[in-house]
Amino acid sequence: MSKKIAVITGGSRGLGKSAALHLARQGVDVVITYQSRAADAEAVVAEIQALGGQAAALALDVSQSAGFAAFAAQLRQTLAEQWQRADFDFLVNNAGIGIHAAFADTSEAQFDQLMNIQLKGPFFLTQALLPLIADGGRILNVSTGLTRFALPGYAAYAAMKGGVEVLTRYLAKELGPRGIAVNVIAPGAIETDFGGGLVRDNEQVNAHIAAQTALGRVGRPDDIGGAIATLLSDGAAWVNGQRVEASGGMFL
């Protein structure tokens, strides 16, 4: 039986990198995408190879949907050359950015950037990759705890992720005949360089969130990487159309 293959967008750092390494430890091979950090991406590939897995890194700008057909063709070629396969098993729509701006101050340019990356990107990238996703495979979209609780400054960002959560249910319904399960994971606040590293680097923000989290600390990338790997494990195959929050119990 051939090994499973996961495609993870934005896999050169943060949650995507953690997910790639957790999956590799489970015996899953990985294709990660990166926008500009080629050296970081290749370092992740090297780490996966050191674990005994196969991996590849491909450039992709998820904000540019016009490039998705060419990316799909490149991915098809990579799968054929490196794995002798015409398809892959898991798609993790992880790539994204964070913009913190009060609703009253959010510009149309910021809104459009968030929409292109967080909502339009996953919508049309998934569409472009459908022919390459194996029947019985899985799609996991990444959302945010901010769709359940509201923190000032994230109106546009959370609105896009709310769209992703609705889209997830529709994908689960429409791809069901192919046996493809589709879920969404919603991380809470995580210590990464996301959004300028606010949660990681601002002690007051970090302490405030920890105080509002049942498990008493802010999340770490490995908390989410492990959760992603669990949701893509054989034991979670019957979970479908669900929003799974991984926040340590924020704002319960």
C-alpha atoms as a PDB file:
ATOM      1  CA  MET A   1       0.000   0.000   0.000  1.00  0.00           C
ATOM      2  CA  SER A   2       1.435   3.347  -0.997  1.00  0.00           C
ATOM      3  CA  LYS A   3       2.053   6.024   1.589  1.00  0.00           C
ATOM      4  CA  LYS A   4      -0.421   8.851   1.957  1.00  0.00           C
ATOM      5  CA  ILE A   5       0.570  12.252   0.563  1.00  0.00           C
ATOM      6  CA  ALA A   6      -0.499  15.596   2.025  1.00  0.00           C
ATOM      7  CA  VAL A   7      -0.351  18.992   0.339  1.00  0.00           C
ATOM      8  CA  ILE A   8      -0.027  21.831   2.851  1.00  0.00           C
ATOM      9  CA  THR A   9      -0.168  25.461   1.744  1.00  0.00           C
ATOM     10  CA  GLY A  10       2.072  27.807   3.688  1.00  0.00           C
ATOM     11  CA  GLY A  11       4.215  24.992   5.027  1.00  0.00           C
ATOM     12  CA  SER A  12       7.556  26.740   5.376  1.00  0.00           C
ATOM     13  CA  ARG A  13       6.904  28.028   8.905  1.00  0.00           C
ATOM     14  CA  GLY A  14       4.428  28.266  11.761  1.00  0.00           C
ATOM     15  CA  LEU A  15       1.391  25.992  11.849  1.00  0.00           C
ATOM     16  CA  GLY A  16       1.984  24.621   8.354  1.00  0.00           C
ATOM     17  CA  LYS A  17       5.515  23.548   9.184  1.00  0.00           C
ATOM     18  CA  SER A  18       4.394  21.932  12.429  1.00  0.00           C
ATOM     19  CA  ALA A  19       1.604  20.083  10.618  1.00  0.00           C
ATOM     20  CA  ALA A  20       4.036  18.848   7.962  1.00  0.00           C
ATOM     21  CA  LEU A  21       6.430  17.455  10.574  1.00  0.00           C
ATOM     22  CA  HIS A  22       3.661  15.836  12.631  1.00  0.00           C
ATOM     23  CA  LEU A  23       2.260  14.166   9.522  1.00  0.00           C
ATOM     24  CA  ALA A  24       5.725  12.998   8.506  1.00  0.00           C
ATOM     25  CA  ARG A  25       6.107  11.339  11.919  1.00  0.00           C
ATOM     26  CA  GLN A  26       2.834   9.517  11.182  1.00  0.00           C
ATOM     27  CA  GLY A  27       4.326   8.193   7.953  1.00  0.00           C
ATOM     28  CA  VAL A  28       2.649  10.679   5.608  1.00  0.00           C
ATOM     29  CA  ASP A  29       4.701  12.206   2.782  1.00  0.00           C
ATOM     30  CA  VAL A  30       4.281  15.934   2.272  1.00  0.00           C
ATOM     31  CA  VAL A  31       4.279  18.594  -0.421  1.00  0.00           C
ATOM     32  CA  ILE A  32       4.483  22.062   1.116  1.00  0.00           C
ATOM     33  CA  THR A  33       3.994  25.383  -0.614  1.00  0.00           C
ATOM     34  CA  TYR A  34       5.745  28.628   0.152  1.00  0.00           C
ATOM     35  CA  GLN A  35       5.372  32.152  -1.148  1.00  0.00           C
ATOM     36  CA  SER A  36       8.859  33.618  -0.758  1.00  0.00           C
ATOM     37  CA  ARG A  37      10.786  31.636   1.868  1.00  0.00           C
ATOM     38  CA  ALA A  38      12.371  29.042  -0.405  1.00  0.00           C
ATOM     39  CA  ALA A  39      15.265  28.333   1.974  1.00  0.00           C
ATOM     40  CA  ASP A  40      12.882  27.813   4.903  1.00  0.00           C
ATOM     41  CA  ALA A  41      10.753  25.484   2.785  1.00  0.00           C
ATOM     42  CA  GLU A  42      13.749  23.426   1.713  1.00  0.00           C
ATOM     43  CA  ALA A  43      14.798  23.173   5.363  1.00  0.00           C
ATOM     44  CA  VAL A  44      11.396  21.664   6.184  1.00  0.00           C
ATOM     45  CA  VAL A  45      11.823  19.214   3.294  1.00  0.00           C
ATOM     46  CA  ALA A  46      15.218  18.222   4.706  1.00  0.00           C
ATOM     47  CA  GLU A  47      13.693  17.682   8.163  1.00  0.00           C
ATOM     48  CA  ILE A  48      11.020  15.397   6.707  1.00  0.00           C
ATOM     49  CA  GLN A  49      13.628  13.451   4.754  1.00  0.00           C
ATOM     50  CA  ALA A  50      15.643  13.060   7.954  1.00  0.00           C
ATOM     51  CA  LEU A  51      12.545  11.470   9.502  1.00  0.00           C
ATOM     52  CA  GLY A  52      12.545   8.943   6.668  1.00  0.00           C
ATOM     53  CA  GLY A  53       9.795  10.510   4.589  1.00  0.00           C
ATOM     54  CA  GLN A  54       9.590  12.026   1.161  1.00  0.00           C
ATOM     55  CA  ALA A  55       8.787  15.700   0.659  1.00  0.00           C
ATOM     56  CA  ALA A  56       8.799  18.493  -1.900  1.00  0.00           C
ATOM     57  CA  ALA A  57       8.396  22.267  -1.802  1.00  0.00           C
ATOM     58  CA  LEU A  58       6.605  24.258  -4.509  1.00  0.00           C
ATOM     59  CA  ALA A  59       6.166  28.007  -4.855  1.00  0.00           C
ATOM     60  CA  LEU A  60       2.580  29.284  -4.668  1.00  0.00           C
ATOM     61  CA  ASP A  61       0.973  32.671  -4.067  1.00  0.00           C
ATOM     62  CA  VAL A  62      -2.516  31.858  -2.797  1.00  0.00           C
ATOM     63  CA  SER A  63      -3.633  35.444  -3.430  1.00  0.00           C
ATOM     64  CA  GLN A  64      -3.186  34.977  -7.200  1.00  0.00           C
ATOM     65  CA  SER A  65      -5.905  32.604  -8.373  1.00  0.00           C
ATOM     66  CA  ALA A  66      -4.816  33.095 -11.991  1.00  0.00           C
ATOM     67  CA  GLY A  67      -1.769  30.965 -11.175  1.00  0.00           C
ATOM     68  CA  PHE A  68      -3.646  27.960  -9.760  1.00  0.00           C
ATOM     69  CA  ALA A  69      -3.923  26.026 -13.022  1.00  0.00           C
ATOM     70  CA  ALA A  70      -0.162  26.258 -13.541  1.00  0.00           C
ATOM     71  CA  PHE A  71       0.421  25.206  -9.921  1.00  0.00           C
ATOM     72  CA  ALA A  72      -1.865  22.201 -10.366  1.00  0.00           C
ATOM     73  CA  ALA A  73       0.125  21.175 -13.443  1.00  0.00           C
ATOM     74  CA  GLN A  74       3.395  21.533 -11.531  1.00  0.00           C
ATOM     75  CA  LEU A  75       2.000  19.511  -8.638  1.00  0.00           C
ATOM     76  CA  ARG A  76       0.810  16.797 -11.037  1.00  0.00           C
ATOM     77  CA  GLN A  77       4.333  16.594 -12.482  1.00  0.00           C
ATOM     78  CA  THR A  78       5.924  16.464  -9.016  1.00  0.00           C
ATOM     79  CA  LEU A  79       3.589  13.656  -7.916  1.00  0.00           C
ATOM     80  CA  ALA A  80       4.393  11.662 -11.054  1.00  0.00           C
ATOM     81  CA  GLU A  81       8.146  12.152 -10.846  1.00  0.00           C
ATOM     82  CA  GLN A  82       8.662  11.787  -7.106  1.00  0.00           C
ATOM     83  CA  TRP A  83       5.890   9.382  -6.106  1.00  0.00           C
ATOM     84  CA  GLN A  84       4.788   7.772  -9.395  1.00  0.00           C
ATOM     85  CA  ARG A  85       1.260   8.807  -8.508  1.00  0.00           C
ATOM     86  CA  ALA A  86      -1.407  10.839 -10.277  1.00  0.00           C
ATOM     87  CA  ASP A  87      -3.099  12.027  -7.090  1.00  0.00           C
ATOM     88  CA  PHE A  88      -2.637  12.903  -3.416  1.00  0.00           C
ATOM     89  CA  ASP A  89      -4.687  12.216  -0.291  1.00  0.00           C
ATOM     90  CA  PHE A  90      -4.884  15.260   1.991  1.00  0.00           C
ATOM     91  CA  LEU A  91      -5.204  18.976   1.216  1.00  0.00           C
ATOM     92  CA  VAL A  92      -4.576  21.403   4.085  1.00  0.00           C
ATOM     93  CA  ASN A  93      -5.562  24.977   3.198  1.00  0.00           C
ATOM     94  CA  ASN A  94      -3.349  26.690   5.763  1.00  0.00           C
ATOM     95  CA  ALA A  95      -1.602  29.641   4.062  1.00  0.00           C
ATOM     96  CA  GLY A  96      -2.725  33.017   5.327  1.00  0.00           C
ATOM     97  CA  ILE A  97      -1.883  36.389   6.780  1.00  0.00           C
ATOM     98  CA  GLY A  98      -3.205  38.378   9.709  1.00  0.00           C
ATOM     99  CA  ILE A  99      -4.255  42.011   9.514  1.00  0.00           C
ATOM    100  CA  HIS A 100      -5.208  43.757  12.746  1.00  0.00           C
ATOM    101  CA  ALA A 101      -7.298  46.883  12.146  1.00  0.00           C
ATOM    102  CA  ALA A 102     -10.386  48.303  13.784  1.00  0.00           C
ATOM    103  CA  PHE A 103     -13.528  47.942  11.680  1.00  0.00           C
ATOM    104  CA  ALA A 104     -13.739  51.727  11.275  1.00  0.00           C
ATOM    105  CA  ASP A 105     -10.161  51.885  10.014  1.00  0.00           C
ATOM    106  CA  THR A 106     -10.069  48.821   7.719  1.00  0.00           C
ATOM    107  CA  SER A 107      -9.253  49.873   4.167  1.00  0.00           C
ATOM    108  CA  GLU A 108     -10.684  48.363   1.025  1.00  0.00           C
ATOM    109  CA  ALA A 109      -7.176  47.272   0.062  1.00  0.00           C
ATOM    110  CA  GLN A 110      -6.802  45.376   3.365  1.00  0.00           C
ATOM    111  CA  PHE A 111     -10.223  43.790   2.891  1.00  0.00           C
ATOM    112  CA  ASP A 112      -9.402  42.717  -0.656  1.00  0.00           C
ATOM    113  CA  GLN A 113      -6.035  41.284   0.385  1.00  0.00           C
ATOM    114  CA  LEU A 114      -7.640  39.236   3.139  1.00  0.00           C
ATOM    115  CA  MET A 115     -10.411  38.051   0.836  1.00  0.00           C
ATOM    116  CA  ASN A 116      -7.992  36.980  -1.894  1.00  0.00           C
ATOM    117  CA  ILE A 117      -5.766  35.048   0.510  1.00  0.00           C
ATOM    118  CA  GLN A 118      -8.214  33.685   3.074  1.00  0.00           C
ATOM    119  CA  LEU A 119     -11.409  33.007   1.111  1.00  0.00           C
ATOM    120  CA  LYS A 120     -11.017  33.264  -2.660  1.00  0.00           C
ATOM    121  CA  GLY A 121      -7.664  31.475  -2.497  1.00  0.00           C
ATOM    122  CA  PRO A 122      -8.853  28.306  -0.725  1.00  0.00           C
ATOM    123  CA  PHE A 123     -12.074  28.281  -2.788  1.00  0.00           C
ATOM    124  CA  PHE A 124     -10.424  28.284  -6.198  1.00  0.00           C
ATOM    125  CA  LEU A 125      -7.253  26.416  -5.219  1.00  0.00           C
ATOM    126  CA  THR A 126      -9.349  23.534  -3.917  1.00  0.00           C
ATOM    127  CA  GLN A 127     -11.384  23.680  -7.115  1.00  0.00           C
ATOM    128  CA  ALA A 128      -8.211  23.544  -9.234  1.00  0.00           C
ATOM    129  CA  LEU A 129      -6.842  20.590  -7.250  1.00  0.00           C
ATOM    130  CA  LEU A 130     -10.037  18.485  -7.190  1.00  0.00           C
ATOM    131  CA  PRO A 131      -8.874  16.281 -10.096  1.00  0.00           C
ATOM    132  CA  LEU A 132      -5.696  15.490  -8.136  1.00  0.00           C
ATOM    133  CA  ILE A 133      -7.340  14.639  -4.800  1.00  0.00           C
ATOM    134  CA  ALA A 134      -7.844  10.899  -4.417  1.00  0.00           C
ATOM    135  CA  ASP A 135     -11.339   9.556  -3.856  1.00  0.00           C
ATOM    136  CA  GLY A 136     -11.581   8.819  -0.149  1.00  0.00           C
ATOM    137  CA  GLY A 137      -9.145  11.638   0.590  1.00  0.00           C
ATOM    138  CA  ARG A 138      -9.603  14.562   2.935  1.00  0.00           C
ATOM    139  CA  ILE A 139      -9.558  18.347   2.935  1.00  0.00           C
ATOM    140  CA  LEU A 140      -8.835  20.350   6.067  1.00  0.00           C
ATOM    141  CA  ASN A 141      -9.336  24.108   6.042  1.00  0.00           C
ATOM    142  CA  VAL A 142      -7.779  26.347   8.688  1.00  0.00           C
ATOM    143  CA  SER A 143     -10.028  28.922  10.350  1.00  0.00           C
ATOM    144  CA  THR A 144      -9.722  30.748  13.674  1.00  0.00           C
ATOM    145  CA  GLY A 145     -11.272  30.924  17.121  1.00  0.00           C
ATOM    146  CA  LEU A 146     -12.183  34.498  16.168  1.00  0.00           C
ATOM    147  CA  THR A 147     -15.244  33.210  14.323  1.00  0.00           C
ATOM    148  CA  ARG A 148     -16.715  32.118  17.682  1.00  0.00           C
ATOM    149  CA  PHE A 149     -15.532  34.960  19.930  1.00  0.00           C
ATOM    150  CA  ALA A 150     -15.014  38.554  18.878  1.00  0.00           C
ATOM    151  CA  LEU A 151     -11.870  40.551  19.612  1.00  0.00           C
ATOM    152  CA  PRO A 152     -11.709  44.134  18.305  1.00  0.00           C
ATOM    153  CA  GLY A 153      -9.493  44.558  15.268  1.00  0.00           C
ATOM    154  CA  TYR A 154     -10.246  41.317  13.458  1.00  0.00           C
ATOM    155  CA  ALA A 155     -13.589  42.032  11.769  1.00  0.00           C
ATOM    156  CA  ALA A 156     -12.385  41.543   8.192  1.00  0.00           C
ATOM    157  CA  TYR A 157     -10.105  38.605   8.988  1.00  0.00           C
ATOM    158  CA  ALA A 158     -12.748  36.740  10.968  1.00  0.00           C
ATOM    159  CA  ALA A 159     -15.419  37.436   8.343  1.00  0.00           C
ATOM    160  CA  MET A 160     -13.289  35.680   5.718  1.00  0.00           C
ATOM    161  CA  LYS A 161     -12.727  32.727   8.036  1.00  0.00           C
ATOM    162  CA  GLY A 162     -16.455  32.579   8.725  1.00  0.00           C
ATOM    163  CA  GLY A 163     -16.869  32.189   4.980  1.00  0.00           C
ATOM    164  CA  VAL A 164     -14.337  29.359   5.003  1.00  0.00           C
ATOM    165  CA  GLU A 165     -16.322  27.574   7.707  1.00  0.00           C
ATOM    166  CA  VAL A 166     -19.538  27.727   5.667  1.00  0.00           C
ATOM    167  CA  LEU A 167     -17.625  26.688   2.538  1.00  0.00           C
ATOM    168  CA  THR A 168     -16.307  23.659   4.442  1.00  0.00           C
ATOM    169  CA  ARG A 169     -19.823  22.325   5.015  1.00  0.00           C
ATOM    170  CA  TYR A 170     -20.729  22.803   1.365  1.00  0.00           C
ATOM    171  CA  LEU A 171     -17.561  21.022   0.234  1.00  0.00           C
ATOM    172  CA  ALA A 172     -18.336  18.133   2.586  1.00  0.00           C
ATOM    173  CA  LYS A 173     -21.807  17.844   1.063  1.00  0.00           C
ATOM    174  CA  GLU A 174     -20.735  18.144  -2.566  1.00  0.00           C
ATOM    175  CA  LEU A 175     -17.631  15.956  -2.340  1.00  0.00           C
ATOM    176  CA  GLY A 176     -19.325  13.262  -0.277  1.00  0.00           C
ATOM    177  CA  PRO A 177     -20.069  11.116  -3.342  1.00  0.00           C
ATOM    178  CA  ARG A 178     -16.295  10.833  -3.871  1.00  0.00           C
ATOM    179  CA  GLY A 179     -15.745   9.804  -0.261  1.00  0.00           C
ATOM    180  CA  ILE A 180     -13.816  13.004   0.479  1.00  0.00           C
ATOM    181  CA  ALA A 181     -14.296  14.267   4.033  1.00  0.00           C
ATOM    182  CA  VAL A 182     -13.915  18.018   4.597  1.00  0.00           C
ATOM    183  CA  ASN A 183     -13.437  19.667   7.980  1.00  0.00           C
ATOM    184  CA  VAL A 184     -12.206  22.952   9.405  1.00  0.00           C
ATOM    185  CA  ILE A 185      -9.824  23.429  12.326  1.00  0.00           C
ATOM    186  CA  ALA A 186     -10.066  26.670  14.282  1.00  0.00           C
ATOM    187  CA  PRO A 187      -6.905  27.490  16.253  1.00  0.00           C
ATOM    188  CA  GLY A 188      -7.009  29.853  19.191  1.00  0.00           C
ATOM    189  CA  ALA A 189      -4.210  32.338  19.840  1.00  0.00           C
ATOM    190  CA  ILE A 190      -0.856  30.746  18.971  1.00  0.00           C
ATOM    191  CA  GLU A 191       2.735  31.839  19.622  1.00  0.00           C
ATOM    192  CA  THR A 192       3.983  32.348  16.051  1.00  0.00           C
ATOM    193  CA  ASP A 193       5.152  35.271  13.905  1.00  0.00           C
ATOM    194  CA  PHE A 194       1.584  35.462  12.537  1.00  0.00           C
ATOM    195  CA  GLY A 195       0.179  38.991  12.609  1.00  0.00           C
ATOM    196  CA  GLY A 196       3.587  40.419  13.481  1.00  0.00           C
ATOM    197  CA  GLY A 197       4.130  37.997  16.359  1.00  0.00           C
ATOM    198  CA  LEU A 198       1.715  39.883  18.645  1.00  0.00           C
ATOM    199  CA  VAL A 199       0.684  36.877  20.744  1.00  0.00           C
ATOM    200  CA  ARG A 200       4.238  35.553  21.016  1.00  0.00           C
ATOM    201  CA  ASP A 201       6.116  38.792  21.645  1.00  0.00           C
ATOM    202  CA  ASN A 202       3.721  41.025  23.599  1.00  0.00           C
ATOM    203  CA  GLU A 203       3.857  39.860  27.217  1.00  0.00           C
ATOM    204  CA  GLN A 204       0.634  41.645  28.178  1.00  0.00           C
ATOM    205  CA  VAL A 205      -1.318  40.101  25.282  1.00  0.00           C
ATOM    206  CA  ASN A 206       0.169  36.697  26.018  1.00  0.00           C
ATOM    207  CA  ALA A 207      -0.701  36.886  29.719  1.00  0.00           C
ATOM    208  CA  HIS A 208      -4.234  38.146  29.018  1.00  0.00           C
ATOM    209  CA  ILE A 209      -4.975  35.264  26.660  1.00  0.00           C
ATOM    210  CA  ALA A 210      -3.426  32.701  29.007  1.00  0.00           C
ATOM    211  CA  ALA A 211      -5.678  33.983  31.793  1.00  0.00           C
ATOM    212  CA  GLN A 212      -8.737  33.480  29.569  1.00  0.00           C
ATOM    213  CA  THR A 213      -7.744  29.962  28.497  1.00  0.00           C
ATOM    214  CA  ALA A 214      -8.891  26.951  30.505  1.00  0.00           C
ATOM    215  CA  LEU A 215      -5.552  25.182  30.138  1.00  0.00           C
ATOM    216  CA  GLY A 216      -3.739  28.271  31.403  1.00  0.00           C
ATOM    217  CA  ARG A 217      -1.380  29.140  28.556  1.00  0.00           C
ATOM    218  CA  VAL A 218      -1.247  30.394  24.992  1.00  0.00           C
ATOM    219  CA  GLY A 219      -1.117  27.814  22.227  1.00  0.00           C
ATOM    220  CA  ARG A 220       2.063  26.712  20.476  1.00  0.00           C
ATOM    221  CA  PRO A 221       2.475  25.654  16.843  1.00  0.00           C
ATOM    222  CA  ASP A 222       2.878  22.004  17.851  1.00  0.00           C
ATOM    223  CA  ASP A 223      -0.520  22.105  19.550  1.00  0.00           C
ATOM    224  CA  ILE A 224      -2.089  22.786  16.171  1.00  0.00           C
ATOM    225  CA  GLY A 225       0.279  20.652  14.110  1.00  0.00           C
ATOM    226  CA  GLY A 226      -0.616  17.700  16.303  1.00  0.00           C
ATOM    227  CA  ALA A 227      -4.341  18.424  16.017  1.00  0.00           C
ATOM    228  CA  ILE A 228      -4.116  18.649  12.214  1.00  0.00           C
ATOM    229  CA  ALA A 229      -2.284  15.320  12.067  1.00  0.00           C
ATOM    230  CA  THR A 230      -4.942  13.771  14.330  1.00  0.00           C
ATOM    231  CA  LEU A 231      -7.791  15.010  12.126  1.00  0.00           C
ATOM    232  CA  LEU A 232      -6.064  13.451   9.110  1.00  0.00           C
ATOM    233  CA  SER A 233      -5.397  10.134  10.875  1.00  0.00           C
ATOM    234  CA  ASP A 234      -7.301   6.941  10.077  1.00  0.00           C
ATOM    235  CA  GLY A 235      -9.202   7.159  13.347  1.00  0.00           C
ATOM    236  CA  ALA A 236     -10.829  10.472  12.366  1.00  0.00           C
ATOM    237  CA  ALA A 237     -12.040   9.295   8.949  1.00  0.00           C
ATOM    238  CA  TRP A 238     -15.735   9.490   9.936  1.00  0.00           C
ATOM    239  CA  VAL A 239     -15.479  13.128  11.107  1.00  0.00           C
ATOM    240  CA  ASN A 240     -16.960  15.226   8.300  1.00  0.00           C
ATOM    241  CA  GLY A 241     -18.348  18.723   7.842  1.00  0.00           C
ATOM    242  CA  GLN A 242     -17.196  19.757  11.315  1.00  0.00           C
ATOM    243  CA  ARG A 243     -15.567  22.787  12.884  1.00  0.00           C
ATOM    244  CA  VAL A 244     -13.016  21.605  15.439  1.00  0.00           C
ATOM    245  CA  GLU A 245     -11.640  24.341  17.679  1.00  0.00           C
ATOM    246  CA  ALA A 246      -8.139  23.806  19.054  1.00  0.00           C
ATOM    247  CA  SER A 247      -7.732  26.656  21.520  1.00  0.00           C
ATOM    248  CA  GLY A 248      -7.052  25.075  24.897  1.00  0.00           C
ATOM    249  CA  GLY A 249     -10.484  26.321  25.937  1.00  0.00           C
ATOM    250  CA  MET A 250     -10.308  30.064  25.192  1.00  0.00           C
ATOM    251  CA  PHE A 251     -13.207  32.209  26.419  1.00  0.00           C
ATOM    252  CA  LEU A 252     -15.365  29.271  27.493  1.00  0.00           C
END
